[in-house]
Each structure stands twice: as structure tokens, then as C-alpha cells.
Amino acid sequence: MEQKLIEGVVVKELKQIKDGRGRLFEMLRSDWPLFERFGQAYITTCRPGYAKAWHCHRKQKDNLIVVKGKAKIGLWDGRKDSSTFGISNEFILSAEKPTLIKVPENVFHGFTALGNEEAMLVNIPTNLFNYRKPDELRKPFNSKEIDFDWQTEEGDTEQRDE
């Protein structure tokens, strides 16, 4: 069953160019209609058995791509004025089938690793991170407000500050 996509979320399968040496894929181009602006680029990882969730940004969009391993990515629309308020989306993404997910402002998101290896995501947000005044709202990964199951086939998922 296909899920209803949260308003403003964009999912783009990325074209791969493969040869005997390996593969190449473009993650984000300034001539793509979904591109808005570049703030910075960074890598975030998650070990199996943990969830990095939930957070959102008031003034920035995130562009997420799994570049190593396999990940379950969760989105939740907490925008009361949105036509998809309260809806969750789940995506299973891997480095083998690169896909970009554009997450709009005020949509909570997070991820967990699937399988036995660390999942690695590249994020290309539209704004620079402000260390003095972070543009982030947070909720616990197991928030009762959000209808999302972080459970994996490998077992329970938790969140710890380490």
C-alpha cells in the first residue's frame, strides 16, 4: 500500500552511473527544480539498535541521502496548518539505491540503521547551522504524539545521549 506523502516532501531516486570500477551518483544539483539553496553539507551516522529522532527546523529544509548501509527514515508532519498534519511517512533507503528526500520546515524527522552495520547519511540543508542559536525543535524518539514504529527486524531500538 502506497503511503500519502507529507505535504512539501520530495522523494527523488538518484541516477547511478556504474562501470567495473564502481559507481557515481549526483546527490543534489543547482539546476534541479527541488534545489533551493546551499547552506552546508555534513555526514551523520547511526549505529544499529539506536534511533536519531525526532527533530525539525523552523527555517531550513534538509536534503537527506543514505550513502552507506541501510536506514529507516521517519517523517512526521507536526504543522497544524498543513493538509497532512499528523501523518507519518516511512522510507527504507540504502546506499545501493540512492534516493534524495527533501524534508520541509517544521516536519520532524529521524533515522535508524537497519541490518548490522552503521547507516551513514549525507545532509545538504538550505541553511548554515547556528551554534549559538540552533534552529531545532526536538521530541523524544518514542514520543506518544508521533505514530511511528522504530522497531527493526534486528530488535528493539532505543535512544541514548552518548
Protein backbone atom coordinates (compact mmCIF):
# COMPACT_ATOMS: atom_id res chain seq x y z
CA MET A 1 0.00 0.00 0.00
CA GLU A 2 1.40 3.37 -1.02
CA GLN A 3 1.59 5.95 1.72
CA LYS A 4 0.28 9.50 1.40
CA LEU A 5 3.31 11.76 1.11
CA ILE A 6 3.58 14.59 3.62
CA GLU A 7 2.91 18.00 2.04
CA GLY A 8 6.18 19.54 0.78
CA VAL A 9 8.24 16.34 0.96
CA VAL A 10 10.03 15.45 -2.26
CA VAL A 11 11.49 11.99 -3.00
CA LYS A 12 13.88 11.67 -5.94
CA GLU A 13 15.57 8.45 -6.98
CA LEU A 14 19.11 9.32 -8.00
CA LYS A 15 20.59 8.14 -11.29
CA GLN A 16 23.64 5.93 -10.95
CA ILE A 17 26.47 5.66 -13.45
CA LYS A 18 28.15 2.27 -12.99
CA ASP A 19 31.19 0.64 -14.51
CA GLY A 20 33.68 -2.04 -13.49
CA ARG A 21 35.42 0.32 -11.06
CA GLY A 22 32.33 1.31 -9.09
CA ARG A 23 29.55 3.84 -9.38
CA LEU A 24 28.81 7.55 -9.29
CA PHE A 25 25.62 9.40 -8.42
CA GLU A 26 24.86 13.08 -8.12
CA MET A 27 23.23 13.92 -4.80
CA LEU A 28 21.93 17.45 -5.47
CA ARG A 29 22.34 19.82 -8.39
CA SER A 30 21.56 23.52 -8.56
CA ASP A 31 19.69 23.00 -11.86
CA TRP A 32 17.17 20.55 -10.33
CA PRO A 33 13.72 22.07 -9.62
CA LEU A 34 13.85 20.87 -5.99
CA PHE A 35 17.11 22.77 -5.29
CA GLU A 36 16.61 25.99 -3.34
CA ARG A 37 19.96 26.98 -1.87
CA PHE A 38 23.07 25.58 -0.24
CA GLY A 39 23.79 26.08 3.43
CA GLN A 40 26.32 23.36 4.19
CA ALA A 41 26.88 19.62 3.81
CA TYR A 42 27.53 17.10 6.56
CA ILE A 43 27.50 13.39 7.35
CA THR A 44 25.53 11.86 10.21
CA THR A 45 25.64 8.21 11.23
CA CYS A 46 23.54 5.89 13.37
CA ARG A 47 24.55 2.55 14.83
CA PRO A 48 22.21 -0.45 14.77
CA GLY A 49 19.83 -0.51 17.72
CA TYR A 50 19.58 3.28 18.07
CA ALA A 51 17.27 5.93 16.65
CA LYS A 52 18.32 9.51 15.99
CA ALA A 53 14.93 11.18 16.30
CA TRP A 54 12.91 13.41 16.44
CA HIS A 55 13.88 16.92 15.37
CA CYS A 56 12.79 19.60 12.92
CA HIS A 57 13.88 23.03 11.79
CA ARG A 58 11.78 26.19 11.66
CA LYS A 59 13.72 27.93 8.88
CA GLN A 60 15.56 25.26 6.92
CA LYS A 61 14.90 22.33 4.64
CA ASP A 62 17.03 19.19 4.78
CA ASN A 63 18.12 17.10 1.79
CA LEU A 64 18.90 13.57 3.03
CA ILE A 65 20.74 10.82 1.13
CA VAL A 66 21.86 7.43 2.51
CA VAL A 67 25.44 6.83 1.32
CA LYS A 68 26.40 3.78 3.42
CA GLY A 69 24.34 0.93 4.82
CA LYS A 70 20.58 0.81 5.04
CA ALA A 71 18.29 3.13 7.02
CA LYS A 72 14.69 3.53 8.08
CA ILE A 73 13.87 7.22 7.80
CA GLY A 74 10.82 8.57 9.57
CA LEU A 75 9.00 11.85 8.92
CA TRP A 76 6.08 13.31 10.87
CA ASP A 77 4.07 16.38 9.93
CA GLY A 78 3.55 18.46 13.06
CA ARG A 79 2.36 21.55 11.15
CA LYS A 80 -1.20 22.27 12.32
CA ASP A 81 -1.93 24.30 9.16
CA SER A 82 -0.80 21.51 6.80
CA SER A 83 -3.18 19.32 4.80
CA THR A 84 -1.14 16.33 6.02
CA PHE A 85 -0.96 17.31 9.72
CA GLY A 86 -0.34 14.26 11.92
CA ILE A 87 0.70 11.97 9.04
CA SER A 88 3.90 9.92 9.27
CA ASN A 89 6.00 8.68 6.36
CA GLU A 90 8.46 5.78 6.47
CA PHE A 91 11.21 5.24 3.92
CA ILE A 92 13.63 2.32 3.73
CA LEU A 93 16.68 3.60 1.86
CA SER A 94 20.12 2.22 1.13
CA ALA A 95 23.35 3.22 -0.50
CA GLU A 96 22.67 0.62 -3.19
CA LYS A 97 19.63 2.54 -4.46
CA PRO A 98 20.46 6.20 -3.75
CA THR A 99 17.46 8.41 -3.15
CA LEU A 100 17.14 12.01 -2.03
CA ILE A 101 14.45 13.03 0.45
CA LYS A 102 13.74 16.74 0.80
CA VAL A 103 12.27 17.50 4.23
CA PRO A 104 10.40 20.81 4.55
CA GLU A 105 10.50 23.16 7.52
CA ASN A 106 8.64 22.03 10.65
CA VAL A 107 8.45 18.38 9.58
CA PHE A 108 10.00 16.20 12.27
CA HIS A 109 12.43 13.56 11.07
CA GLY A 110 14.90 10.95 12.19
CA PHE A 111 16.51 7.66 11.23
CA THR A 112 17.77 4.32 12.43
CA ALA A 113 20.18 1.79 10.94
CA LEU A 114 18.82 -1.44 9.50
CA GLY A 115 20.91 -4.57 9.41
CA ASN A 116 24.15 -4.98 11.31
CA GLU A 117 26.13 -2.02 10.03
CA GLU A 118 26.13 1.67 10.78
CA ALA A 119 23.95 3.77 8.46
CA MET A 120 25.52 6.92 7.05
CA LEU A 121 23.51 9.84 5.68
CA VAL A 122 24.63 12.99 3.93
CA ASN A 123 22.52 16.05 4.67
CA ILE A 124 22.64 19.15 2.49
CA PRO A 125 20.50 21.67 4.39
CA THR A 126 19.43 25.01 2.94
CA ASN A 127 20.93 26.97 5.88
CA LEU A 128 24.12 27.03 7.91
CA PHE A 129 23.92 25.58 11.42
CA ASN A 130 23.90 28.37 14.02
CA TYR A 131 25.86 27.09 17.03
CA ARG A 132 24.71 29.94 19.30
CA LYS A 133 21.03 29.70 18.40
CA PRO A 134 20.25 26.31 16.83
CA ASP A 135 17.17 26.19 14.59
CA GLU A 136 15.86 22.95 16.08
CA LEU A 137 12.82 21.64 17.84
CA ARG A 138 13.10 18.20 19.44
CA LYS A 139 10.81 15.41 20.62
CA PRO A 140 11.80 12.07 22.15
CA PHE A 141 12.22 9.20 19.68
CA ASN A 142 9.33 7.38 21.38
CA SER A 143 7.00 10.40 21.59
CA LYS A 144 3.37 9.35 22.14
CA GLU A 145 2.37 12.25 19.89
CA ILE A 146 4.01 10.64 16.84
CA ASP A 147 2.59 7.45 15.35
CA PHE A 148 5.81 5.79 14.20
CA ASP A 149 7.48 2.47 14.99
CA TRP A 150 11.28 2.48 15.13
CA GLN A 151 11.33 -1.30 15.66
CA THR A 152 13.63 -3.17 13.28
CA GLU A 153 13.91 -6.85 12.39
CA GLU A 154 17.10 -6.91 14.44
CA GLY A 155 15.31 -5.99 17.68
CA ASP A 156 14.39 -3.05 19.87
CA THR A 157 15.52 0.44 19.05
CA GLU A 158 16.41 2.98 21.68
CA GLN A 159 17.87 6.42 22.01
CA ARG A 160 20.67 7.39 24.30
CA ASP A 161 22.67 10.58 24.69
CA GLU A 162 26.27 9.48 24.31
